[in-house]
Amino acid sequence: RTSNNYAMAWFRQTPGKEREFVAGITWSSGVTNYADFVKGR
C-alpha cells in the first residue's frame, strides 16, 4: 500500500452462494460500514 486512499473490507462466501459484504473501514478516516446481519456482533 502506497497511500491511505483505501477502503478495506471483509466479505464472506459459502458454497453455491455469492460473496457477500460483511464489514468495511476506510483506512484514512476510519469510517465503517456493516452488514445488518453482523451489527452489534
PDB file of all heavy atoms in Angstrom:
ATOM      1  N   ARG A   1       0.855  -1.198   0.000  1.00  0.00           N
ATOM      2  CA  ARG A   1       0.000   0.000   0.000  1.00  0.00           C
ATOM      3  C   ARG A   1       0.886   1.242   0.000  1.00  0.00           C
ATOM      4  O   ARG A   1       1.769   1.368   0.829  1.00  0.00           O
ATOM      5  CB  ARG A   1      -0.891  -0.045   1.235  1.00  0.00           C
ATOM      6  CG  ARG A   1      -1.858   1.100   1.395  1.00  0.00           C
ATOM      7  CD  ARG A   1      -2.786   0.840   2.585  1.00  0.00           C
ATOM      8  NE  ARG A   1      -2.057   0.757   3.841  1.00  0.00           N
ATOM      9  CZ  ARG A   1      -1.819   1.783   4.642  1.00  0.00           C
ATOM     10  NH1 ARG A   1      -2.234   2.985   4.280  1.00  0.00           N
ATOM     11  NH2 ARG A   1      -1.152   1.619   5.778  1.00  0.00           N
ATOM     12  N   THR A   2       0.624   2.186  -0.916  1.00  0.00           N
ATOM     13  CA  THR A   2       1.472   3.371  -1.036  1.00  0.00           C
ATOM     14  C   THR A   2       0.762   4.648  -0.607  1.00  0.00           C
ATOM     15  O   THR A   2       1.352   5.724  -0.664  1.00  0.00           O
ATOM     16  CB  THR A   2       1.957   3.534  -2.482  1.00  0.00           C
ATOM     17  OG1 THR A   2       0.815   3.622  -3.347  1.00  0.00           O
ATOM     18  CG2 THR A   2       2.819   2.351  -2.899  1.00  0.00           C
ATOM     19  N   SER A   3      -0.482   4.546  -0.198  1.00  0.00           N
ATOM     20  CA  SER A   3      -1.214   5.723   0.268  1.00  0.00           C
ATOM     21  C   SER A   3      -2.278   5.257   1.255  1.00  0.00           C
ATOM     22  O   SER A   3      -2.426   4.059   1.510  1.00  0.00           O
ATOM     23  CB  SER A   3      -1.880   6.442  -0.897  1.00  0.00           C
ATOM     24  OG  SER A   3      -3.006   5.709  -1.357  1.00  0.00           O
ATOM     25  N   ASN A   4      -3.029   6.222   1.792  1.00  0.00           N
ATOM     26  CA  ASN A   4      -4.147   5.902   2.684  1.00  0.00           C
ATOM     27  C   ASN A   4      -5.480   5.926   1.960  1.00  0.00           C
ATOM     28  O   ASN A   4      -6.533   5.826   2.581  1.00  0.00           O
ATOM     29  CB  ASN A   4      -4.190   6.890   3.852  1.00  0.00           C
ATOM     30  CG  ASN A   4      -3.103   6.625   4.864  1.00  0.00           C
ATOM     31  OD1 ASN A   4      -2.639   5.501   5.007  1.00  0.00           O
ATOM     32  ND2 ASN A   4      -2.689   7.658   5.573  1.00  0.00           N
ATOM     33  N   ASN A   5      -5.454   6.037   0.643  1.00  0.00           N
ATOM     34  CA  ASN A   5      -6.690   6.119  -0.133  1.00  0.00           C
ATOM     35  C   ASN A   5      -7.268   4.731  -0.417  1.00  0.00           C
ATOM     36  O   ASN A   5      -7.449   4.328  -1.569  1.00  0.00           O
ATOM     37  CB  ASN A   5      -6.446   6.842  -1.452  1.00  0.00           C
ATOM     38  CG  ASN A   5      -5.987   8.258  -1.245  1.00  0.00           C
ATOM     39  OD1 ASN A   5      -6.095   8.803  -0.155  1.00  0.00           O
ATOM     40  ND2 ASN A   5      -5.453   8.861  -2.289  1.00  0.00           N
ATOM     41  N   TYR A   6      -7.505   4.010   0.674  1.00  0.00           N
ATOM     42  CA  TYR A   6      -8.035   2.660   0.543  1.00  0.00           C
ATOM     43  C   TYR A   6      -9.230   2.475   1.473  1.00  0.00           C
ATOM     44  O   TYR A   6      -9.274   3.015   2.573  1.00  0.00           O
ATOM     45  CB  TYR A   6      -6.981   1.611   0.914  1.00  0.00           C
ATOM     46  CG  TYR A   6      -5.937   1.396  -0.147  1.00  0.00           C
ATOM     47  CD1 TYR A   6      -4.791   2.176  -0.180  1.00  0.00           C
ATOM     48  CD2 TYR A   6      -6.104   0.420  -1.119  1.00  0.00           C
ATOM     49  CE1 TYR A   6      -3.839   1.989  -1.155  1.00  0.00           C
ATOM     50  CE2 TYR A   6      -5.154   0.221  -2.093  1.00  0.00           C
ATOM     51  CZ  TYR A   6      -4.012   1.012  -2.108  1.00  0.00           C
ATOM     52  OH  TYR A   6      -3.066   0.817  -3.078  1.00  0.00           O
ATOM     53  N   ALA A   7     -10.162   1.714   0.981  1.00  0.00           N
ATOM     54  CA  ALA A   7     -11.213   1.176   1.832  1.00  0.00           C
ATOM     55  C   ALA A   7     -10.957  -0.320   1.943  1.00  0.00           C
ATOM     56  O   ALA A   7     -10.742  -0.990   0.927  1.00  0.00           O
ATOM     57  CB  ALA A   7     -12.590   1.436   1.240  1.00  0.00           C
ATOM     58  N   MET A   8     -10.961  -0.815   3.150  1.00  0.00           N
ATOM     59  CA  MET A   8     -10.722  -2.235   3.412  1.00  0.00           C
ATOM     60  C   MET A   8     -12.023  -2.885   3.839  1.00  0.00           C
ATOM     61  O   MET A   8     -12.813  -2.282   4.582  1.00  0.00           O
ATOM     62  CB  MET A   8      -9.678  -2.401   4.520  1.00  0.00           C
ATOM     63  CG  MET A   8      -8.366  -1.691   4.260  1.00  0.00           C
ATOM     64  SD  MET A   8      -7.530  -2.294   2.794  1.00  0.00           S
ATOM     65  CE  MET A   8      -7.344  -4.023   3.187  1.00  0.00           C
ATOM     66  N   ALA A   9     -12.231  -4.097   3.402  1.00  0.00           N
ATOM     67  CA  ALA A   9     -13.490  -4.765   3.727  1.00  0.00           C
ATOM     68  C   ALA A   9     -13.291  -6.252   3.934  1.00  0.00           C
ATOM     69  O   ALA A   9     -12.311  -6.837   3.461  1.00  0.00           O
ATOM     70  CB  ALA A   9     -14.510  -4.532   2.619  1.00  0.00           C
ATOM     71  N   TRP A  10     -14.228  -6.830   4.648  1.00  0.00           N
ATOM     72  CA  TRP A  10     -14.327  -8.275   4.786  1.00  0.00           C
ATOM     73  C   TRP A  10     -15.599  -8.732   4.085  1.00  0.00           C
ATOM     74  O   TRP A  10     -16.670  -8.157   4.284  1.00  0.00           O
ATOM     75  CB  TRP A  10     -14.381  -8.685   6.254  1.00  0.00           C
ATOM     76  CG  TRP A  10     -13.080  -8.544   6.961  1.00  0.00           C
ATOM     77  CD1 TRP A  10     -12.647  -7.480   7.691  1.00  0.00           C
ATOM     78  CD2 TRP A  10     -12.017  -9.503   7.006  1.00  0.00           C
ATOM     79  NE1 TRP A  10     -11.389  -7.711   8.199  1.00  0.00           N
ATOM     80  CE2 TRP A  10     -10.986  -8.960   7.795  1.00  0.00           C
ATOM     81  CE3 TRP A  10     -11.845 -10.784   6.479  1.00  0.00           C
ATOM     82  CZ2 TRP A  10      -9.784  -9.645   8.057  1.00  0.00           C
ATOM     83  CZ3 TRP A  10     -10.662 -11.471   6.732  1.00  0.00           C
ATOM     84  CH2 TRP A  10      -9.645 -10.893   7.514  1.00  0.00           C
ATOM     85  N   PHE A  11     -15.438  -9.753   3.274  1.00  0.00           N
ATOM     86  CA  PHE A  11     -16.558 -10.438   2.630  1.00  0.00           C
ATOM     87  C   PHE A  11     -16.543 -11.884   3.099  1.00  0.00           C
ATOM     88  O   PHE A  11     -15.549 -12.360   3.624  1.00  0.00           O
ATOM     89  CB  PHE A  11     -16.405 -10.391   1.104  1.00  0.00           C
ATOM     90  CG  PHE A  11     -16.671  -9.050   0.489  1.00  0.00           C
ATOM     91  CD1 PHE A  11     -15.736  -8.031   0.573  1.00  0.00           C
ATOM     92  CD2 PHE A  11     -17.855  -8.810  -0.186  1.00  0.00           C
ATOM     93  CE1 PHE A  11     -15.979  -6.785   0.001  1.00  0.00           C
ATOM     94  CE2 PHE A  11     -18.116  -7.572  -0.766  1.00  0.00           C
ATOM     95  CZ  PHE A  11     -17.167  -6.562  -0.668  1.00  0.00           C
ATOM     96  N   ARG A  12     -17.637 -12.572   2.860  1.00  0.00           N
ATOM     97  CA  ARG A  12     -17.663 -13.999   3.148  1.00  0.00           C
ATOM     98  C   ARG A  12     -18.438 -14.734   2.069  1.00  0.00           C
ATOM     99  O   ARG A  12     -19.285 -14.152   1.392  1.00  0.00           O
ATOM    100  CB  ARG A  12     -18.255 -14.268   4.530  1.00  0.00           C
ATOM    101  CG  ARG A  12     -19.738 -13.996   4.659  1.00  0.00           C
ATOM    102  CD  ARG A  12     -20.171 -14.165   6.118  1.00  0.00           C
ATOM    103  NE  ARG A  12     -21.615 -14.079   6.275  1.00  0.00           N
ATOM    104  CZ  ARG A  12     -22.229 -14.075   7.456  1.00  0.00           C
ATOM    105  NH1 ARG A  12     -21.538 -14.152   8.595  1.00  0.00           N
ATOM    106  NH2 ARG A  12     -23.547 -14.004   7.512  1.00  0.00           N
ATOM    107  N   GLN A  13     -18.129 -16.020   1.956  1.00  0.00           N
ATOM    108  CA  GLN A  13     -18.766 -16.816   0.912  1.00  0.00           C
ATOM    109  C   GLN A  13     -18.913 -18.252   1.378  1.00  0.00           C
ATOM    110  O   GLN A  13     -17.999 -18.829   1.982  1.00  0.00           O
ATOM    111  CB  GLN A  13     -17.941 -16.768  -0.373  1.00  0.00           C
ATOM    112  CG  GLN A  13     -18.609 -17.390  -1.578  1.00  0.00           C
ATOM    113  CD  GLN A  13     -17.849 -17.104  -2.849  1.00  0.00           C
ATOM    114  OE1 GLN A  13     -16.642 -16.858  -2.844  1.00  0.00           O
ATOM    115  NE2 GLN A  13     -18.558 -17.120  -3.972  1.00  0.00           N
ATOM    116  N   THR A  14     -20.073 -18.824   1.060  1.00  0.00           N
ATOM    117  CA  THR A  14     -20.322 -20.240   1.306  1.00  0.00           C
ATOM    118  C   THR A  14     -20.568 -20.915  -0.037  1.00  0.00           C
ATOM    119  O   THR A  14     -20.943 -20.245  -1.013  1.00  0.00           O
ATOM    120  CB  THR A  14     -21.532 -20.442   2.233  1.00  0.00           C
ATOM    121  OG1 THR A  14     -22.660 -19.745   1.678  1.00  0.00           O
ATOM    122  CG2 THR A  14     -21.254 -19.894   3.626  1.00  0.00           C
ATOM    123  N   PRO A  15     -20.377 -22.224  -0.113  1.00  0.00           N
ATOM    124  CA  PRO A  15     -20.541 -22.925  -1.402  1.00  0.00           C
ATOM    125  C   PRO A  15     -21.905 -22.692  -2.019  1.00  0.00           C
ATOM    126  O   PRO A  15     -22.936 -22.798  -1.349  1.00  0.00           O
ATOM    127  CB  PRO A  15     -20.349 -24.394  -1.011  1.00  0.00           C
ATOM    128  CG  PRO A  15     -19.461 -24.348   0.183  1.00  0.00           C
ATOM    129  CD  PRO A  15     -19.895 -23.127   0.950  1.00  0.00           C
ATOM    130  N   GLY A  16     -21.891 -22.338  -3.300  1.00  0.00           N
ATOM    131  CA  GLY A  16     -23.133 -22.144  -4.029  1.00  0.00           C
ATOM    132  C   GLY A  16     -23.766 -20.781  -3.858  1.00  0.00           C
ATOM    133  O   GLY A  16     -24.817 -20.513  -4.449  1.00  0.00           O
ATOM    134  N   LYS A  17     -23.151 -19.941  -3.058  1.00  0.00           N
ATOM    135  CA  LYS A  17     -23.704 -18.601  -2.831  1.00  0.00           C
ATOM    136  C   LYS A  17     -22.717 -17.535  -3.295  1.00  0.00           C
ATOM    137  O   LYS A  17     -21.511 -17.770  -3.378  1.00  0.00           O
ATOM    138  CB  LYS A  17     -24.047 -18.399  -1.348  1.00  0.00           C
ATOM    139  CG  LYS A  17     -25.183 -19.263  -0.857  1.00  0.00           C
ATOM    140  CD  LYS A  17     -25.601 -18.856   0.544  1.00  0.00           C
ATOM    141  CE  LYS A  17     -26.809 -19.641   1.016  1.00  0.00           C
ATOM    142  NZ  LYS A  17     -27.253 -19.217   2.376  1.00  0.00           N
ATOM    143  N   GLU A  18     -23.252 -16.349  -3.559  1.00  0.00           N
ATOM    144  CA  GLU A  18     -22.395 -15.248  -3.949  1.00  0.00           C
ATOM    145  C   GLU A  18     -21.642 -14.706  -2.735  1.00  0.00           C
ATOM    146  O   GLU A  18     -22.093 -14.820  -1.594  1.00  0.00           O
ATOM    147  CB  GLU A  18     -23.235 -14.131  -4.577  1.00  0.00           C
ATOM    148  CG  GLU A  18     -23.827 -14.487  -5.921  1.00  0.00           C
ATOM    149  CD  GLU A  18     -24.495 -13.294  -6.588  1.00  0.00           C
ATOM    150  OE1 GLU A  18     -24.541 -12.228  -5.963  1.00  0.00           O
ATOM    151  OE2 GLU A  18     -24.959 -13.449  -7.724  1.00  0.00           O
ATOM    152  N   ARG A  19     -20.506 -14.118  -3.025  1.00  0.00           N
ATOM    153  CA  ARG A  19     -19.731 -13.476  -1.967  1.00  0.00           C
ATOM    154  C   ARG A  19     -20.518 -12.278  -1.434  1.00  0.00           C
ATOM    155  O   ARG A  19     -21.060 -11.496  -2.213  1.00  0.00           O
ATOM    156  CB  ARG A  19     -18.378 -13.046  -2.522  1.00  0.00           C
ATOM    157  CG  ARG A  19     -17.318 -12.761  -1.503  1.00  0.00           C
ATOM    158  CD  ARG A  19     -15.962 -12.676  -2.157  1.00  0.00           C
ATOM    159  NE  ARG A  19     -15.523 -13.962  -2.709  1.00  0.00           N
ATOM    160  CZ  ARG A  19     -14.291 -14.170  -3.180  1.00  0.00           C
ATOM    161  NH1 ARG A  19     -13.401 -13.181  -3.166  1.00  0.00           N
ATOM    162  NH2 ARG A  19     -13.970 -15.341  -3.678  1.00  0.00           N
ATOM    163  N   GLU A  20     -20.587 -12.139  -0.099  1.00  0.00           N
ATOM    164  CA  GLU A  20     -21.377 -11.064   0.476  1.00  0.00           C
ATOM    165  C   GLU A  20     -20.535 -10.186   1.393  1.00  0.00           C
ATOM    166  O   GLU A  20     -19.617 -10.658   2.080  1.00  0.00           O
ATOM    167  CB  GLU A  20     -22.582 -11.607   1.253  1.00  0.00           C
ATOM    168  CG  GLU A  20     -22.248 -12.470   2.451  1.00  0.00           C
ATOM    169  CD  GLU A  20     -23.502 -12.958   3.175  1.00  0.00           C
ATOM    170  OE1 GLU A  20     -24.631 -12.572   2.790  1.00  0.00           O
ATOM    171  OE2 GLU A  20     -23.346 -13.719   4.159  1.00  0.00           O
ATOM    172  N   PHE A  21     -20.878  -8.918   1.410  1.00  0.00           N
ATOM    173  CA  PHE A  21     -20.192  -7.925   2.232  1.00  0.00           C
ATOM    174  C   PHE A  21     -20.513  -8.167   3.693  1.00  0.00           C
ATOM    175  O   PHE A  21     -21.658  -8.416   4.062  1.00  0.00           O
ATOM    176  CB  PHE A  21     -20.651  -6.532   1.815  1.00  0.00           C
ATOM    177  CG  PHE A  21     -20.106  -5.423   2.654  1.00  0.00           C
ATOM    178  CD1 PHE A  21     -18.853  -4.893   2.412  1.00  0.00           C
ATOM    179  CD2 PHE A  21     -20.859  -4.891   3.692  1.00  0.00           C
ATOM    180  CE1 PHE A  21     -18.352  -3.864   3.183  1.00  0.00           C
ATOM    181  CE2 PHE A  21     -20.374  -3.852   4.469  1.00  0.00           C
ATOM    182  CZ  PHE A  21     -19.117  -3.337   4.212  1.00  0.00           C
ATOM    183  N   VAL A  22     -19.482  -8.053   4.538  1.00  0.00           N
ATOM    184  CA  VAL A  22     -19.648  -8.217   5.977  1.00  0.00           C
ATOM    185  C   VAL A  22     -19.414  -6.889   6.705  1.00  0.00           C
ATOM    186  O   VAL A  22     -20.264  -6.414   7.457  1.00  0.00           O
ATOM    187  CB  VAL A  22     -18.691  -9.285   6.529  1.00  0.00           C
ATOM    188  CG1 VAL A  22     -18.810  -9.382   8.050  1.00  0.00           C
ATOM    189  CG2 VAL A  22     -18.953 -10.642   5.881  1.00  0.00           C
ATOM    190  N   ALA A  23     -18.255  -6.298   6.476  1.00  0.00           N
ATOM    191  CA  ALA A  23     -17.896  -5.055   7.163  1.00  0.00           C
ATOM    192  C   ALA A  23     -16.749  -4.397   6.420  1.00  0.00           C
ATOM    193  O   ALA A  23     -15.986  -5.063   5.721  1.00  0.00           O
ATOM    194  CB  ALA A  23     -17.500  -5.316   8.607  1.00  0.00           C
ATOM    195  N   GLY A  24     -16.625  -3.076   6.590  1.00  0.00           N
ATOM    196  CA  GLY A  24     -15.540  -2.362   5.939  1.00  0.00           C
ATOM    197  C   GLY A  24     -15.139  -1.127   6.712  1.00  0.00           C
ATOM    198  O   GLY A  24     -15.893  -0.641   7.574  1.00  0.00           O
ATOM    199  N   ILE A  25     -13.950  -0.614   6.402  1.00  0.00           N
ATOM    200  CA  ILE A  25     -13.426   0.572   7.071  1.00  0.00           C
ATOM    201  C   ILE A  25     -12.529   1.334   6.113  1.00  0.00           C
ATOM    202  O   ILE A  25     -11.792   0.736   5.328  1.00  0.00           O
ATOM    203  CB  ILE A  25     -12.648   0.157   8.351  1.00  0.00           C
ATOM    204  CG1 ILE A  25     -12.236   1.369   9.172  1.00  0.00           C
ATOM    205  CG2 ILE A  25     -11.419  -0.700   8.004  1.00  0.00           C
ATOM    206  CD1 ILE A  25     -11.739   1.011  10.567  1.00  0.00           C
ATOM    207  N   THR A  26     -12.608   2.660   6.155  1.00  0.00           N
ATOM    208  CA  THR A  26     -11.697   3.465   5.339  1.00  0.00           C
ATOM    209  C   THR A  26     -10.385   3.615   6.084  1.00  0.00           C
ATOM    210  O   THR A  26     -10.368   3.870   7.288  1.00  0.00           O
ATOM    211  CB  THR A  26     -12.289   4.856   5.048  1.00  0.00           C
ATOM    212  OG1 THR A  26     -12.537   5.525   6.292  1.00  0.00           O
ATOM    213  CG2 THR A  26     -13.584   4.761   4.267  1.00  0.00           C
ATOM    214  N   TRP A  27      -9.302   3.451   5.347  1.00  0.00           N
ATOM    215  CA  TRP A  27      -8.007   3.459   6.023  1.00  0.00           C
ATOM    216  C   TRP A  27      -7.686   4.827   6.610  1.00  0.00           C
ATOM    217  O   TRP A  27      -7.164   4.931   7.714  1.00  0.00           O
ATOM    218  CB  TRP A  27      -6.903   3.041   5.048  1.00  0.00           C
ATOM    219  CG  TRP A  27      -5.702   2.556   5.795  1.00  0.00           C
ATOM    220  CD1 TRP A  27      -4.747   3.334   6.402  1.00  0.00           C
ATOM    221  CD2 TRP A  27      -5.354   1.199   6.056  1.00  0.00           C
ATOM    222  NE1 TRP A  27      -3.830   2.529   7.028  1.00  0.00           N
ATOM    223  CE2 TRP A  27      -4.167   1.219   6.834  1.00  0.00           C
ATOM    224  CE3 TRP A  27      -5.923  -0.021   5.716  1.00  0.00           C
ATOM    225  CZ2 TRP A  27      -3.557   0.067   7.261  1.00  0.00           C
ATOM    226  CZ3 TRP A  27      -5.295  -1.180   6.145  1.00  0.00           C
ATOM    227  CH2 TRP A  27      -4.133  -1.129   6.898  1.00  0.00           C
ATOM    228  N   SER A  28      -7.998   5.882   5.898  1.00  0.00           N
ATOM    229  CA  SER A  28      -7.574   7.214   6.342  1.00  0.00           C
ATOM    230  C   SER A  28      -8.438   7.768   7.470  1.00  0.00           C
ATOM    231  O   SER A  28      -7.919   8.318   8.434  1.00  0.00           O
ATOM    232  CB  SER A  28      -7.594   8.173   5.162  1.00  0.00           C
ATOM    233  OG  SER A  28      -8.903   8.241   4.625  1.00  0.00           O
ATOM    234  N   SER A  29      -9.750   7.632   7.359  1.00  0.00           N
ATOM    235  CA  SER A  29     -10.626   8.305   8.306  1.00  0.00           C
ATOM    236  C   SER A  29     -11.324   7.366   9.287  1.00  0.00           C
ATOM    237  O   SER A  29     -11.938   7.821  10.246  1.00  0.00           O
ATOM    238  CB  SER A  29     -11.692   9.094   7.552  1.00  0.00           C
ATOM    239  OG  SER A  29     -12.435   8.224   6.713  1.00  0.00           O
ATOM    240  N   GLY A  30     -11.243   6.082   9.054  1.00  0.00           N
ATOM    241  CA  GLY A  30     -11.860   5.132   9.976  1.00  0.00           C
ATOM    242  C   GLY A  30     -13.367   5.033   9.876  1.00  0.00           C
ATOM    243  O   GLY A  30     -14.012   4.498  10.788  1.00  0.00           O
ATOM    244  N   VAL A  31     -13.938   5.517   8.787  1.00  0.00           N
ATOM    245  CA  VAL A  31     -15.379   5.362   8.587  1.00  0.00           C
ATOM    246  C   VAL A  31     -15.689   3.874   8.405  1.00  0.00           C
ATOM    247  O   VAL A  31     -14.994   3.178   7.667  1.00  0.00           O
ATOM    248  CB  VAL A  31     -15.840   6.153   7.350  1.00  0.00           C
ATOM    249  CG1 VAL A  31     -17.290   5.832   7.013  1.00  0.00           C
ATOM    250  CG2 VAL A  31     -15.657   7.646   7.587  1.00  0.00           C
ATOM    251  N   THR A  32     -16.736   3.400   9.074  1.00  0.00           N
ATOM    252  CA  THR A  32     -17.068   1.977   8.996  1.00  0.00           C
ATOM    253  C   THR A  32     -18.443   1.751   8.374  1.00  0.00           C
ATOM    254  O   THR A  32     -19.280   2.649   8.322  1.00  0.00           O
ATOM    255  CB  THR A  32     -17.040   1.323  10.389  1.00  0.00           C
ATOM    256  OG1 THR A  32     -17.969   2.001  11.248  1.00  0.00           O
ATOM    257  CG2 THR A  32     -15.641   1.377  10.995  1.00  0.00           C
ATOM    258  N   ASN A  33     -18.640   0.533   7.930  1.00  0.00           N
ATOM    259  CA  ASN A  33     -19.914   0.120   7.364  1.00  0.00           C
ATOM    260  C   ASN A  33     -20.094  -1.351   7.682  1.00  0.00           C
ATOM    261  O   ASN A  33     -19.133  -2.129   7.564  1.00  0.00           O
ATOM    262  CB  ASN A  33     -19.924   0.353   5.843  1.00  0.00           C
ATOM    263  CG  ASN A  33     -21.298   0.179   5.236  1.00  0.00           C
ATOM    264  OD1 ASN A  33     -22.289   0.063   5.944  1.00  0.00           O
ATOM    265  ND2 ASN A  33     -21.363   0.194   3.917  1.00  0.00           N
ATOM    266  N   TYR A  34     -21.283  -1.739   8.105  1.00  0.00           N
ATOM    267  CA  TYR A  34     -21.545  -3.122   8.494  1.00  0.00           C
ATOM    268  C   TYR A  34     -22.796  -3.642   7.812  1.00  0.00           C
ATOM    269  O   TYR A  34     -23.772  -2.900   7.619  1.00  0.00           O
ATOM    270  CB  TYR A  34     -21.754  -3.244  10.006  1.00  0.00           C
ATOM    271  CG  TYR A  34     -20.530  -2.956  10.838  1.00  0.00           C
ATOM    272  CD1 TYR A  34     -20.276  -1.688  11.332  1.00  0.00           C
ATOM    273  CD2 TYR A  34     -19.622  -3.976  11.140  1.00  0.00           C
ATOM    274  CE1 TYR A  34     -19.152  -1.429  12.098  1.00  0.00           C
ATOM    275  CE2 TYR A  34     -18.497  -3.727  11.907  1.00  0.00           C
ATOM    276  CZ  TYR A  34     -18.264  -2.442  12.377  1.00  0.00           C
ATOM    277  OH  TYR A  34     -17.156  -2.200  13.134  1.00  0.00           O
ATOM    278  N   ALA A  35     -22.772  -4.909   7.479  1.00  0.00           N
ATOM    279  CA  ALA A  35     -23.993  -5.569   7.032  1.00  0.00           C
ATOM    280  C   ALA A  35     -24.936  -5.708   8.221  1.00  0.00           C
ATOM    281  O   ALA A  35     -24.482  -5.868   9.364  1.00  0.00           O
ATOM    282  CB  ALA A  35     -23.668  -6.955   6.466  1.00  0.00           C
ATOM    283  N   ASP A  36     -26.229  -5.638   7.954  1.00  0.00           N
ATOM    284  CA  ASP A  36     -27.205  -5.686   9.040  1.00  0.00           C
ATOM    285  C   ASP A  36     -27.066  -6.953   9.877  1.00  0.00           C
ATOM    286  O   ASP A  36     -27.278  -6.931  11.091  1.00  0.00           O
ATOM    287  CB  ASP A  36     -28.629  -5.597   8.471  1.00  0.00           C
ATOM    288  CG  ASP A  36     -28.952  -4.194   7.978  1.00  0.00           C
ATOM    289  OD1 ASP A  36     -28.248  -3.248   8.369  1.00  0.00           O
ATOM    290  OD2 ASP A  36     -29.920  -4.053   7.207  1.00  0.00           O
ATOM    291  N   PHE A  37     -26.708  -8.062   9.249  1.00  0.00           N
ATOM    292  CA  PHE A  37     -26.690  -9.336   9.974  1.00  0.00           C
ATOM    293  C   PHE A  37     -25.508  -9.462  10.943  1.00  0.00           C
ATOM    294  O   PHE A  37     -25.427 -10.433  11.685  1.00  0.00           O
ATOM    295  CB  PHE A  37     -26.725 -10.523   9.004  1.00  0.00           C
ATOM    296  CG  PHE A  37     -25.640 -10.528   7.962  1.00  0.00           C
ATOM    297  CD1 PHE A  37     -24.360 -10.942   8.255  1.00  0.00           C
ATOM    298  CD2 PHE A  37     -25.934 -10.115   6.672  1.00  0.00           C
ATOM    299  CE1 PHE A  37     -23.365 -10.951   7.292  1.00  0.00           C
ATOM    300  CE2 PHE A  37     -24.943 -10.117   5.687  1.00  0.00           C
ATOM    301  CZ  PHE A  37     -23.659 -10.534   5.998  1.00  0.00           C
ATOM    302  N   VAL A  38     -24.572  -8.494  10.945  1.00  0.00           N
ATOM    303  CA  VAL A  38     -23.463  -8.553  11.892  1.00  0.00           C
ATOM    304  C   VAL A  38     -23.421  -7.365  12.849  1.00  0.00           C
ATOM    305  O   VAL A  38     -22.596  -7.323  13.760  1.00  0.00           O
ATOM    306  CB  VAL A  38     -22.093  -8.687  11.191  1.00  0.00           C
ATOM    307  CG1 VAL A  38     -22.053  -9.923  10.330  1.00  0.00           C
ATOM    308  CG2 VAL A  38     -21.740  -7.420  10.415  1.00  0.00           C
ATOM    309  N   LYS A  39     -24.305  -6.414  12.645  1.00  0.00           N
ATOM    310  CA  LYS A  39     -24.303  -5.230  13.511  1.00  0.00           C
ATOM    311  C   LYS A  39     -24.511  -5.632  14.968  1.00  0.00           C
ATOM    312  O   LYS A  39     -25.404  -6.398  15.291  1.00  0.00           O
ATOM    313  CB  LYS A  39     -25.389  -4.256  13.069  1.00  0.00           C
ATOM    314  CG  LYS A  39     -25.026  -3.468  11.822  1.00  0.00           C
ATOM    315  CD  LYS A  39     -26.118  -2.472  11.446  1.00  0.00           C
ATOM    316  CE  LYS A  39     -25.730  -1.693  10.199  1.00  0.00           C
ATOM    317  NZ  LYS A  39     -26.792  -0.763   9.771  1.00  0.00           N
ATOM    318  N   GLY A  40     -23.655  -5.102  15.821  1.00  0.00           N
ATOM    319  CA  GLY A  40     -23.732  -5.424  17.240  1.00  0.00           C
ATOM    320  C   GLY A  40     -22.941  -6.652  17.629  1.00  0.00           C
ATOM    321  O   GLY A  40     -22.750  -6.908  18.827  1.00  0.00           O
ATOM    322  N   ARG A  41     -22.486  -7.430  16.655  1.00  0.00           N
ATOM    323  CA  ARG A  41     -21.708  -8.640  16.948  1.00  0.00           C
ATOM    324  C   ARG A  41     -20.270  -8.552  16.442  1.00  0.00           C
ATOM    325  O   ARG A  41     -19.355  -9.050  17.093  1.00  0.00           O
ATOM    326  CB  ARG A  41     -22.378  -9.866  16.325  1.00  0.00           C
ATOM    327  CG  ARG A  41     -23.776 -10.155  16.832  1.00  0.00           C
ATOM    328  CD  ARG A  41     -24.263 -11.523  16.355  1.00  0.00           C
ATOM    329  NE  ARG A  41     -24.313 -11.617  14.901  1.00  0.00           N
ATOM    330  CZ  ARG A  41     -23.734 -12.589  14.201  1.00  0.00           C
ATOM    331  NH1 ARG A  41     -23.062 -13.536  14.807  1.00  0.00           N
ATOM    332  NH2 ARG A  41     -23.855 -12.621  12.874  1.00  0.00           N
TER     333      ARG A  41
END
